[in-house]
N, C-alpha and C. Protein backbone atom coordinates (compact mmCIF):
# COMPACT_ATOMS: atom_id res chain seq x y z
N MET A 1 105.59 107.62 129.72
CA MET A 1 106.17 106.70 128.47
C MET A 1 106.61 107.90 127.21
N SER A 2 107.79 107.33 126.99
CA SER A 2 108.73 108.16 125.65
C SER A 2 109.52 107.64 124.99
N GLU A 3 108.93 106.37 124.86
CA GLU A 3 108.97 105.56 123.55
C GLU A 3 108.44 104.44 123.46
N LEU A 4 108.02 104.14 122.60
CA LEU A 4 107.49 102.76 122.01
C LEU A 4 108.30 101.64 121.63
N VAL A 5 108.82 100.29 121.67
CA VAL A 5 109.91 99.74 121.29
C VAL A 5 109.34 98.37 120.98
N PHE A 6 109.85 98.40 119.81
CA PHE A 6 109.00 96.91 118.97
C PHE A 6 110.05 96.10 118.87
N LEU A 7 110.35 94.87 119.24
CA LEU A 7 110.78 93.75 118.83
C LEU A 7 109.98 92.98 118.08
N LEU A 8 110.99 93.21 117.18
CA LEU A 8 109.86 92.34 115.81
C LEU A 8 110.80 90.76 115.20
N GLU A 9 110.54 90.08 114.65
CA GLU A 9 111.05 88.76 113.84
C GLU A 9 111.38 89.03 113.18
N GLU A 10 111.30 89.97 112.09
CA GLU A 10 111.85 90.49 110.72
C GLU A 10 111.08 91.68 110.34
N GLU A 11 112.54 91.81 109.34
CA GLU A 11 112.35 93.46 108.99
C GLU A 11 110.72 93.62 108.12
N SER A 12 110.33 92.68 107.58
CA SER A 12 109.01 92.75 107.01
C SER A 12 107.81 93.58 108.21
N ALA A 13 107.85 93.43 109.12
CA ALA A 13 107.30 93.49 110.30
C ALA A 13 107.38 95.14 109.80
N LYS A 14 108.53 95.36 110.56
CA LYS A 14 108.75 96.80 110.94
C LYS A 14 108.35 97.67 109.11
N SER A 15 108.66 97.14 108.16
CA SER A 15 108.55 98.08 107.07
C SER A 15 106.22 97.98 106.84
N MET A 16 105.42 97.20 107.43
CA MET A 16 104.35 97.33 107.62
C MET A 16 104.42 98.03 108.60
N LEU A 17 104.67 98.04 109.93
CA LEU A 17 104.09 99.15 111.11
C LEU A 17 104.83 100.52 110.78
N GLN A 18 105.71 100.76 109.87
CA GLN A 18 106.16 102.12 109.33
C GLN A 18 104.51 102.81 108.10
N GLY A 19 103.91 101.86 107.86
CA GLY A 19 102.82 102.94 107.32
C GLY A 19 101.62 102.37 108.11
N VAL A 20 101.50 101.72 109.13
CA VAL A 20 100.06 101.66 110.06
C VAL A 20 100.49 102.44 111.26
N LEU A 21 101.65 102.99 111.63
CA LEU A 21 101.92 103.45 113.54
C LEU A 21 101.43 104.90 113.04
N PRO A 22 102.05 105.41 112.10
CA PRO A 22 101.69 107.45 112.24
C PRO A 22 100.18 107.30 112.09
N ARG A 23 99.49 106.25 111.79
CA ARG A 23 98.07 106.76 111.65
C ARG A 23 97.66 106.34 113.33
N LEU A 24 98.17 105.87 113.99
CA LEU A 24 98.10 105.00 115.33
C LEU A 24 98.18 106.12 116.92
N LEU A 25 99.40 106.32 116.21
CA LEU A 25 100.23 107.53 117.46
C LEU A 25 100.13 108.49 117.59
N PRO A 26 100.66 108.94 118.97
CA PRO A 26 100.49 110.44 118.44
C PRO A 26 101.80 111.02 118.06
N ASP A 27 102.33 112.09 117.29
CA ASP A 27 103.41 112.34 116.83
C ASP A 27 104.23 112.73 117.99
N ASP A 28 104.39 112.61 118.96
CA ASP A 28 105.24 112.54 119.63
C ASP A 28 106.26 111.60 120.92
N LEU A 29 105.03 110.73 120.23
CA LEU A 29 105.75 109.01 120.80
C LEU A 29 106.95 108.79 120.24
N GLN A 30 108.34 108.81 120.52
CA GLN A 30 109.19 108.00 119.79
C GLN A 30 108.75 106.52 119.73
N VAL A 31 109.30 105.92 118.43
CA VAL A 31 109.26 104.64 118.43
C VAL A 31 110.41 104.10 117.80
N ARG A 32 110.85 102.89 118.35
CA ARG A 32 112.27 102.16 117.82
C ARG A 32 111.78 100.79 117.39
N TYR A 33 112.36 100.53 116.64
CA TYR A 33 112.49 99.34 115.83
C TYR A 33 113.76 98.12 116.52
N ILE A 34 113.50 96.92 117.21
CA ILE A 34 114.87 96.07 117.57
C ILE A 34 113.86 94.95 116.05
N VAL A 35 115.07 94.77 115.60
CA VAL A 35 114.91 93.62 114.22
C VAL A 35 115.41 92.72 114.69
N PHE A 36 115.02 91.42 114.68
CA PHE A 36 115.80 90.23 114.35
C PHE A 36 116.03 89.46 113.44
N GLU A 37 116.92 88.37 113.01
CA GLU A 37 116.71 87.68 112.07
C GLU A 37 116.18 86.54 111.92
N GLY A 38 114.56 86.20 112.25
CA GLY A 38 113.67 85.68 112.26
C GLY A 38 113.54 85.21 114.11
N LYS A 39 112.86 84.05 114.01
CA LYS A 39 112.16 83.66 115.71
C LYS A 39 113.23 83.33 116.18
N SER A 40 114.13 82.36 115.62
CA SER A 40 115.33 81.53 116.72
C SER A 40 115.95 82.82 117.31
N ASP A 41 116.65 83.72 116.60
CA ASP A 41 117.52 85.05 116.78
C ASP A 41 116.46 85.80 117.76
N LEU A 42 115.20 86.19 117.53
CA LEU A 42 114.00 86.89 118.59
C LEU A 42 114.15 86.17 119.70
N GLU A 43 113.76 84.88 119.58
CA GLU A 43 114.04 84.16 121.09
C GLU A 43 115.24 84.64 121.81
N ALA A 44 116.45 83.99 121.13
CA ALA A 44 117.67 83.95 121.71
C ALA A 44 118.23 85.53 122.29
N GLN A 45 117.84 86.20 121.90
CA GLN A 45 118.60 87.76 122.23
C GLN A 45 117.32 88.36 123.03
N LEU A 46 116.38 88.12 123.46
CA LEU A 46 114.85 88.50 123.31
C LEU A 46 115.33 89.00 125.42
N VAL A 47 115.83 87.93 126.46
CA VAL A 47 116.33 88.66 127.94
C VAL A 47 117.56 89.54 127.27
N ARG A 48 118.30 89.28 127.23
CA ARG A 48 119.47 90.43 127.10
C ARG A 48 118.52 91.36 126.43
N ARG A 49 117.63 91.79 125.66
CA ARG A 49 117.65 92.82 125.21
C ARG A 49 116.76 93.74 125.80
N ARG A 50 115.75 92.85 126.37
CA ARG A 50 115.02 93.90 127.29
C ARG A 50 115.81 93.86 128.68
N ARG A 51 116.71 92.87 129.59
CA ARG A 51 117.06 93.54 131.02
C ARG A 51 118.09 94.61 130.83
N TYR A 52 118.78 94.77 129.50
CA TYR A 52 119.87 95.69 129.31
C TYR A 52 119.48 96.76 128.85
N TYR A 53 118.23 97.08 128.23
CA TYR A 53 118.18 98.34 127.77
C TYR A 53 117.33 99.54 128.64
N ARG A 54 117.82 100.39 128.54
CA ARG A 54 118.25 101.79 129.35
C ARG A 54 117.48 102.75 129.05
N VAL A 55 116.16 102.51 128.73
CA VAL A 55 115.62 104.00 128.84
C VAL A 55 114.27 103.44 129.82
N PRO A 56 114.15 104.03 130.79
CA PRO A 56 113.03 103.23 132.08
C PRO A 56 112.03 103.03 131.71
N ASP A 57 111.30 103.93 131.41
CA ASP A 57 109.65 104.21 131.03
C ASP A 57 109.27 103.87 129.77
N ALA A 58 110.28 103.00 128.93
CA ALA A 58 109.83 102.72 127.36
C ALA A 58 108.83 101.49 128.05
N LYS A 59 107.95 101.30 126.46
CA LYS A 59 106.96 100.10 126.74
C LYS A 59 107.40 99.34 125.43
N PHE A 60 107.56 97.80 125.79
CA PHE A 60 108.21 97.00 124.70
C PHE A 60 106.86 96.30 124.18
N ILE A 61 106.63 96.06 122.92
CA ILE A 61 105.86 95.31 121.73
C ILE A 61 106.85 93.81 121.20
N VAL A 62 106.33 92.84 121.35
CA VAL A 62 107.01 91.82 120.90
C VAL A 62 105.78 91.10 120.00
N LEU A 63 106.36 91.20 118.99
CA LEU A 63 105.79 90.71 117.61
C LEU A 63 106.33 89.49 117.19
N ARG A 64 105.75 87.79 116.90
CA ARG A 64 106.70 87.27 116.41
C ARG A 64 105.18 86.42 115.63
N ASP A 65 105.59 86.09 114.39
CA ASP A 65 104.74 84.46 113.55
C ASP A 65 104.08 83.69 114.75
N LYS A 66 102.96 82.74 114.67
CA LYS A 66 102.94 81.83 115.35
C LYS A 66 103.47 80.25 114.33
N ASP A 67 103.60 80.87 112.83
CA ASP A 67 103.78 79.88 111.75
C ASP A 67 102.85 78.28 112.34
N SER A 68 103.79 77.18 112.18
CA SER A 68 103.11 75.91 113.12
C SER A 68 102.97 75.60 114.21
N ALA A 69 103.80 76.34 114.68
CA ALA A 69 103.56 76.32 116.69
C ALA A 69 102.07 76.39 117.23
N ASP A 70 102.18 76.52 118.45
CA ASP A 70 100.80 76.12 119.10
C ASP A 70 101.09 77.81 119.53
N CYS A 71 100.17 79.07 119.69
CA CYS A 71 99.73 80.01 119.66
C CYS A 71 100.09 80.47 121.15
N HIS A 72 99.27 79.41 122.17
CA HIS A 72 99.46 79.70 123.39
C HIS A 72 100.94 79.50 124.37
N ALA A 73 101.70 78.23 123.55
CA ALA A 73 102.65 78.10 124.15
C ALA A 73 103.87 79.08 123.36
N VAL A 74 103.71 79.49 122.11
CA VAL A 74 104.64 80.87 121.57
C VAL A 74 104.59 81.82 122.66
N LYS A 75 103.38 82.18 122.89
CA LYS A 75 103.12 83.46 123.42
C LYS A 75 103.72 82.98 125.07
N ALA A 76 103.19 81.93 126.53
CA ALA A 76 103.99 81.96 127.11
C ALA A 76 105.08 81.73 127.17
N GLY A 77 106.22 80.94 126.16
CA GLY A 77 107.85 81.34 126.15
C GLY A 77 108.00 82.53 126.13
N LEU A 78 107.45 83.61 125.16
CA LEU A 78 108.07 84.65 124.74
C LEU A 78 107.63 85.66 126.14
N VAL A 79 106.81 85.31 127.37
CA VAL A 79 106.30 86.20 128.50
C VAL A 79 107.31 85.31 129.52
N ALA A 80 107.67 84.04 129.62
CA ALA A 80 108.48 83.30 130.25
C ALA A 80 109.93 84.39 129.91
N LYS A 81 110.58 84.64 128.84
CA LYS A 81 111.43 85.32 128.33
C LYS A 81 111.25 86.61 129.10
N CYS A 82 110.48 87.53 128.58
CA CYS A 82 110.58 89.11 129.37
C CYS A 82 110.91 88.99 131.18
N ARG A 83 109.92 87.77 131.63
CA ARG A 83 109.89 87.57 133.36
C ARG A 83 111.83 87.22 133.59
N GLU A 84 112.02 86.53 132.83
CA GLU A 84 113.82 85.92 133.28
C GLU A 84 114.68 87.57 132.73
N ALA A 85 113.82 88.46 132.00
CA ALA A 85 114.75 89.31 131.95
C ALA A 85 114.50 90.87 132.88
N ASN A 86 113.60 90.60 134.26
CA ASN A 86 112.85 90.92 134.68
C ASN A 86 112.25 92.58 134.41
N ARG A 87 111.83 92.19 133.47
CA ARG A 87 111.01 93.13 132.42
C ARG A 87 109.68 92.63 131.96
N PRO A 88 108.60 91.98 132.82
CA PRO A 88 107.40 91.20 132.47
C PRO A 88 106.50 91.88 131.67
N ASP A 89 106.60 93.03 131.68
CA ASP A 89 105.56 94.33 131.54
C ASP A 89 105.52 94.23 130.04
N ALA A 90 106.12 93.44 128.83
CA ALA A 90 106.05 93.66 127.42
C ALA A 90 104.63 93.13 126.95
N LEU A 91 104.09 93.94 126.20
CA LEU A 91 102.99 93.69 125.50
C LEU A 91 103.63 92.44 124.39
N ILE A 92 103.24 91.50 124.50
CA ILE A 92 103.13 90.21 123.45
C ILE A 92 102.14 89.90 122.23
N ARG A 93 102.40 90.04 120.94
CA ARG A 93 101.46 89.84 120.36
C ARG A 93 102.15 88.69 118.92
N ILE A 94 100.82 88.09 118.83
CA ILE A 94 101.46 86.72 117.79
C ILE A 94 100.86 86.87 116.86
N ALA A 95 101.40 86.94 114.78
CA ALA A 95 100.60 86.71 114.01
C ALA A 95 100.11 85.60 113.90
N CYS A 96 98.58 85.38 113.73
CA CYS A 96 98.76 83.41 113.21
C CYS A 96 97.88 83.71 111.62
N HIS A 97 98.59 83.01 111.09
CA HIS A 97 99.61 82.18 111.46
C HIS A 97 101.38 82.63 111.03
N GLU A 98 100.84 84.10 109.68
CA GLU A 98 102.11 84.45 109.43
C GLU A 98 101.58 86.72 109.28
N LEU A 99 102.27 87.22 109.45
CA LEU A 99 101.77 88.57 108.71
C LEU A 99 101.12 88.88 107.57
N GLU A 100 101.74 87.72 106.74
CA GLU A 100 100.73 87.60 105.31
C GLU A 100 99.75 87.42 105.32
N SER A 101 98.57 87.02 106.87
CA SER A 101 97.20 86.73 106.73
C SER A 101 97.08 87.63 107.09
N TRP A 102 97.76 88.68 108.05
CA TRP A 102 96.54 90.28 108.41
C TRP A 102 96.81 91.36 106.53
N TYR A 103 97.69 90.51 105.67
CA TYR A 103 97.03 90.95 104.41
C TYR A 103 96.07 91.03 103.43
N LEU A 104 95.93 89.47 103.75
CA LEU A 104 95.13 88.48 103.32
C LEU A 104 93.44 89.35 103.74
N ALA A 105 93.68 89.56 104.93
CA ALA A 105 92.44 89.62 105.50
C ALA A 105 91.62 90.83 104.79
N ASP A 106 92.69 92.24 104.28
CA ASP A 106 92.41 93.34 103.82
C ASP A 106 92.83 92.96 102.43
N LEU A 107 92.06 92.63 101.64
CA LEU A 107 92.31 92.51 99.85
C LEU A 107 92.55 93.81 99.70
N ALA A 108 91.54 94.89 99.99
CA ALA A 108 91.45 96.40 99.23
C ALA A 108 92.93 96.73 99.97
N ALA A 109 93.07 97.01 100.55
CA ALA A 109 94.71 97.33 100.86
C ALA A 109 95.32 96.79 100.22
N VAL A 110 95.58 95.42 99.47
CA VAL A 110 96.86 94.63 98.56
C VAL A 110 96.10 95.00 97.56
N GLU A 111 95.14 95.44 97.00
CA GLU A 111 94.91 95.96 95.34
C GLU A 111 95.28 97.22 95.55
N GLN A 112 94.97 98.12 96.62
CA GLN A 112 95.72 99.63 96.42
C GLN A 112 97.10 99.46 96.26
N ALA A 113 98.26 98.91 97.32
CA ALA A 113 99.29 98.68 96.88
C ALA A 113 99.45 98.74 96.12
N PHE A 114 99.34 97.31 95.00
CA PHE A 114 99.63 96.95 93.89
C PHE A 114 99.39 97.38 92.70
N GLY A 115 97.89 97.59 92.77
CA GLY A 115 97.55 98.91 91.52
C GLY A 115 97.10 97.61 90.94
N ILE A 116 96.47 96.71 91.56
CA ILE A 116 96.25 95.62 90.78
C ILE A 116 94.28 95.59 90.77
N SER A 117 93.52 95.49 89.43
CA SER A 117 91.83 95.71 90.19
C SER A 117 91.90 94.19 89.67
N GLY A 118 90.62 94.23 91.26
CA GLY A 118 89.67 92.89 91.08
C GLY A 118 90.33 91.86 92.41
N VAL A 119 91.29 92.37 92.85
CA VAL A 119 91.29 91.37 94.03
C VAL A 119 90.75 91.54 95.19
N ALA A 120 90.29 92.88 95.45
CA ALA A 120 89.50 92.96 96.77
C ALA A 120 88.32 92.22 97.01
N ALA A 121 87.67 91.85 95.29
CA ALA A 121 86.47 91.30 95.17
C ALA A 121 86.67 89.89 95.57
N SER A 122 88.14 89.46 95.49
CA SER A 122 87.84 87.75 96.44
C SER A 122 87.96 87.76 97.78
N GLN A 123 87.66 89.17 98.72
CA GLN A 123 87.34 88.60 99.97
C GLN A 123 86.50 88.18 100.39
N ASN A 124 85.59 87.42 99.94
CA ASN A 124 84.53 87.08 100.00
C ASN A 124 84.94 85.49 100.11
N LYS A 125 85.35 85.01 99.51
CA LYS A 125 85.95 83.87 99.16
C LYS A 125 86.47 83.06 100.67
N ARG A 126 85.93 81.87 101.14
CA ARG A 126 85.84 81.24 102.14
C ARG A 126 87.24 81.50 103.22
N LYS A 127 88.33 81.75 102.10
CA LYS A 127 89.77 81.56 102.83
C LYS A 127 90.32 82.79 103.04
N TYR A 128 89.89 83.70 102.65
CA TYR A 128 90.12 85.55 102.70
C TYR A 128 88.87 85.78 103.74
N ARG A 129 88.17 84.87 104.15
CA ARG A 129 87.35 85.75 104.95
C ARG A 129 87.57 85.73 106.63
N SER A 130 88.62 84.74 107.18
CA SER A 130 89.52 84.39 108.55
C SER A 130 90.72 83.85 107.93
N PRO A 131 91.64 84.60 107.35
CA PRO A 131 92.57 84.44 107.12
C PRO A 131 93.77 83.96 108.06
N ASP A 132 93.89 83.75 109.25
CA ASP A 132 94.80 83.25 110.47
C ASP A 132 94.44 81.96 110.27
N GLU A 133 93.69 81.35 109.61
CA GLU A 133 93.54 79.62 109.59
C GLU A 133 94.51 79.17 108.66
N LEU A 134 94.96 79.88 107.89
CA LEU A 134 95.42 79.44 106.35
C LEU A 134 97.33 79.61 106.86
N ALA A 135 97.92 78.08 106.22
CA ALA A 135 98.91 78.30 106.95
C ALA A 135 99.97 78.48 105.83
N ASN A 136 99.03 78.80 104.98
CA ASN A 136 100.38 78.89 103.76
C ASN A 136 99.79 80.37 102.95
N ALA A 137 99.88 81.51 104.32
CA ALA A 137 99.18 82.95 103.88
C ALA A 137 100.23 83.87 103.12
N ALA A 138 101.49 83.32 102.87
CA ALA A 138 102.57 84.02 101.69
C ALA A 138 102.44 83.46 100.82
N GLU A 139 102.13 81.92 100.41
CA GLU A 139 102.32 81.72 99.36
C GLU A 139 101.08 82.32 98.72
N GLU A 140 99.64 82.10 99.35
CA GLU A 140 98.67 82.75 98.97
C GLU A 140 98.65 84.32 98.06
N LEU A 141 99.29 85.15 98.92
CA LEU A 141 99.28 86.66 98.62
C LEU A 141 100.53 86.69 97.66
N VAL A 142 101.35 86.07 97.11
CA VAL A 142 102.13 85.97 95.77
C VAL A 142 101.45 85.53 94.70
N LYS A 143 100.59 84.50 95.03
CA LYS A 143 99.31 84.32 93.83
C LYS A 143 98.46 85.14 93.06
N ILE A 144 97.71 85.63 94.87
CA ILE A 144 96.91 86.72 94.16
C ILE A 144 97.34 87.99 93.55
N THR A 145 98.76 88.32 93.95
CA THR A 145 99.34 89.29 93.98
C THR A 145 99.87 88.73 92.07
N ARG A 146 99.88 87.97 91.74
CA ARG A 146 100.18 87.82 90.55
C ARG A 146 102.33 87.66 90.56
N LEU A 147 102.67 86.86 91.52
CA LEU A 147 104.23 87.02 91.83
C LEU A 147 104.43 88.35 92.20
N ARG A 148 103.41 89.31 92.88
CA ARG A 148 104.07 90.94 92.93
C ARG A 148 104.78 91.03 94.17
N TYR A 149 104.71 90.22 95.13
CA TYR A 149 104.30 90.35 96.83
C TYR A 149 106.03 90.08 97.10
N GLN A 150 106.55 90.77 97.63
CA GLN A 150 107.68 90.73 98.17
C GLN A 150 108.13 90.83 99.72
N LYS A 151 107.98 90.15 100.78
CA LYS A 151 108.09 90.14 102.44
C LYS A 151 108.17 91.34 102.51
N VAL A 152 109.37 92.24 102.50
CA VAL A 152 109.88 93.56 102.83
C VAL A 152 109.37 94.52 102.00
N GLY A 153 109.37 94.46 100.19
CA GLY A 153 108.66 95.87 99.89
C GLY A 153 106.89 95.49 99.66
N GLY A 154 106.65 94.54 99.71
CA GLY A 154 105.00 94.33 99.71
C GLY A 154 104.90 94.21 101.86
N SER A 155 105.41 94.46 102.37
CA SER A 155 104.91 95.07 103.51
C SER A 155 104.66 96.38 103.55
N ARG A 156 106.26 96.96 103.00
CA ARG A 156 106.05 98.82 102.88
C ARG A 156 104.96 98.87 102.33
N ALA A 157 104.90 98.62 101.02
CA ALA A 157 103.59 98.75 100.22
C ALA A 157 101.94 98.59 100.71
N ILE A 158 102.18 97.63 101.50
CA ILE A 158 100.67 97.46 102.10
C ILE A 158 100.61 98.27 103.23
N GLY A 159 101.14 98.61 104.00
CA GLY A 159 100.61 98.77 105.29
C GLY A 159 100.08 100.17 105.80
N PRO A 160 100.95 101.18 104.57
CA PRO A 160 99.68 102.35 104.51
C PRO A 160 98.49 102.53 104.23
N HIS A 161 98.21 101.26 103.82
CA HIS A 161 96.51 101.05 103.58
C HIS A 161 95.54 99.83 104.35
N LEU A 162 96.51 99.40 105.01
CA LEU A 162 95.48 98.70 105.95
C LEU A 162 94.67 99.15 106.61
N ASN A 163 93.49 98.39 107.04
CA ASN A 163 92.44 99.32 107.14
C ASN A 163 92.77 98.80 108.71
N LEU A 164 92.80 99.63 109.91
CA LEU A 164 92.88 99.51 111.23
C LEU A 164 91.84 98.88 112.13
N ASP A 165 90.61 99.27 111.43
CA ASP A 165 89.49 98.52 111.99
C ASP A 165 89.16 97.54 111.49
N ASN A 166 89.42 96.74 110.33
CA ASN A 166 89.09 95.05 109.89
C ASN A 166 89.51 94.40 111.24
N GLN A 167 88.46 93.59 110.94
CA GLN A 167 87.97 92.18 111.85
C GLN A 167 88.34 90.97 111.45
N ARG A 168 88.57 90.98 109.92
CA ARG A 168 88.70 89.39 109.50
C ARG A 168 90.19 88.37 110.09
N SER A 169 90.84 89.55 110.37
CA SER A 169 92.30 88.57 111.38
C SER A 169 91.75 89.19 112.68
N ARG A 170 91.43 88.04 113.91
CA ARG A 170 91.39 88.53 114.97
C ARG A 170 92.80 88.62 115.33
N SER A 171 94.04 88.14 115.16
CA SER A 171 95.17 88.13 115.60
C SER A 171 95.61 89.92 115.32
N PHE A 172 95.37 90.55 114.07
CA PHE A 172 95.49 91.81 113.61
C PHE A 172 94.78 92.51 114.83
N ALA A 173 93.72 92.63 114.67
CA ALA A 173 92.70 93.01 115.47
C ALA A 173 93.15 93.40 117.19
N VAL A 174 93.56 92.39 117.48
CA VAL A 174 94.11 92.56 118.24
C VAL A 174 95.58 93.10 118.98
N PHE A 175 96.24 92.87 117.64
CA PHE A 175 97.17 93.84 117.81
C PHE A 175 97.18 95.25 118.01
N ILE A 176 96.57 95.61 117.06
CA ILE A 176 96.14 97.21 116.38
C ILE A 176 95.44 97.31 118.42
N ALA A 177 94.49 96.98 118.47
CA ALA A 177 93.83 97.13 120.13
C ALA A 177 94.98 97.57 121.59
N GLY A 178 95.91 96.39 121.09
CA GLY A 178 96.88 96.79 121.97
C GLY A 178 97.82 97.76 121.95
N ILE A 179 98.01 98.32 120.89
CA ILE A 179 98.83 99.61 120.25
C ILE A 179 97.76 100.69 120.81
N ARG A 180 96.83 100.79 120.49
CA ARG A 180 95.87 101.75 120.53
C ARG A 180 95.95 101.98 122.46
N LYS A 181 95.76 100.93 122.90
CA LYS A 181 96.02 101.08 124.68
C LYS A 181 97.01 101.59 125.22
N LEU A 182 98.09 101.21 124.24
CA LEU A 182 99.39 101.81 125.07
C LEU A 182 99.37 103.21 124.48
N ALA A 183 98.91 103.93 123.50
CA ALA A 183 99.03 104.93 123.16
C ALA A 183 98.00 106.15 123.67
N ALA A 184 96.95 105.22 124.28
CA ALA A 184 96.27 105.83 125.10
C ALA A 184 96.29 106.11 126.36
N ASP A 185 97.31 105.06 126.86
CA ASP A 185 98.15 105.12 128.51
C ASP A 185 99.18 105.98 128.40
N ALA A 186 99.50 106.45 127.06
CA ALA A 186 100.78 107.18 127.50
C ALA A 186 99.88 108.69 127.05
N GLY A 187 99.42 108.56 126.43
CA GLY A 187 98.22 109.86 126.43
C GLY A 187 98.03 110.66 127.67
N ARG A 188 97.54 109.70 128.55
CA ARG A 188 96.90 109.81 129.87
C ARG A 188 98.23 110.12 131.05
N ASN A 189 99.29 109.88 130.52
CA ASN A 189 100.58 109.54 131.61
C ASN A 189 101.35 110.85 131.00
N ALA A 190 100.76 111.60 130.25
CA ALA A 190 101.78 112.69 129.52
C ALA A 190 102.01 113.87 130.66
């Protein structure tokens, strides 16, 4: 594999990944980000983008928020689009409910990113123990950061501090495990 290509619903996911991936991937692995203007744009362009991508051994990761949809239906739809493009080999990952759920799973990272002391102490509150179940994670993050969190800038600030072994968000743990597997496979095939 010469490169890892991320197909992302929004710019904030790219900002977060730029802080996470240097800690996960070997330096010689090329990373490319294709950022869409929301989930509708991602789904509308996915077939064309996959079908006509010209780097033959590139590996793809599609990341989309679950929001209020059924997770299994969202994933099945994305898998179907990859098959339609004759490129069924993409790693599809869904952030449950949204990217901000991953941040709420690691309030120590949020505290570090914004320099707000005491935020991490809230981690044991019921709603932050399994934030994938929260339907309003972005709103919670804005509250807990005292209105400092904004999607792109906040993701850029939090990403480098995220604990990559954190298991509070199952969707984050599965996402990180998938990237680690792709990176390990790339190392074996090099």
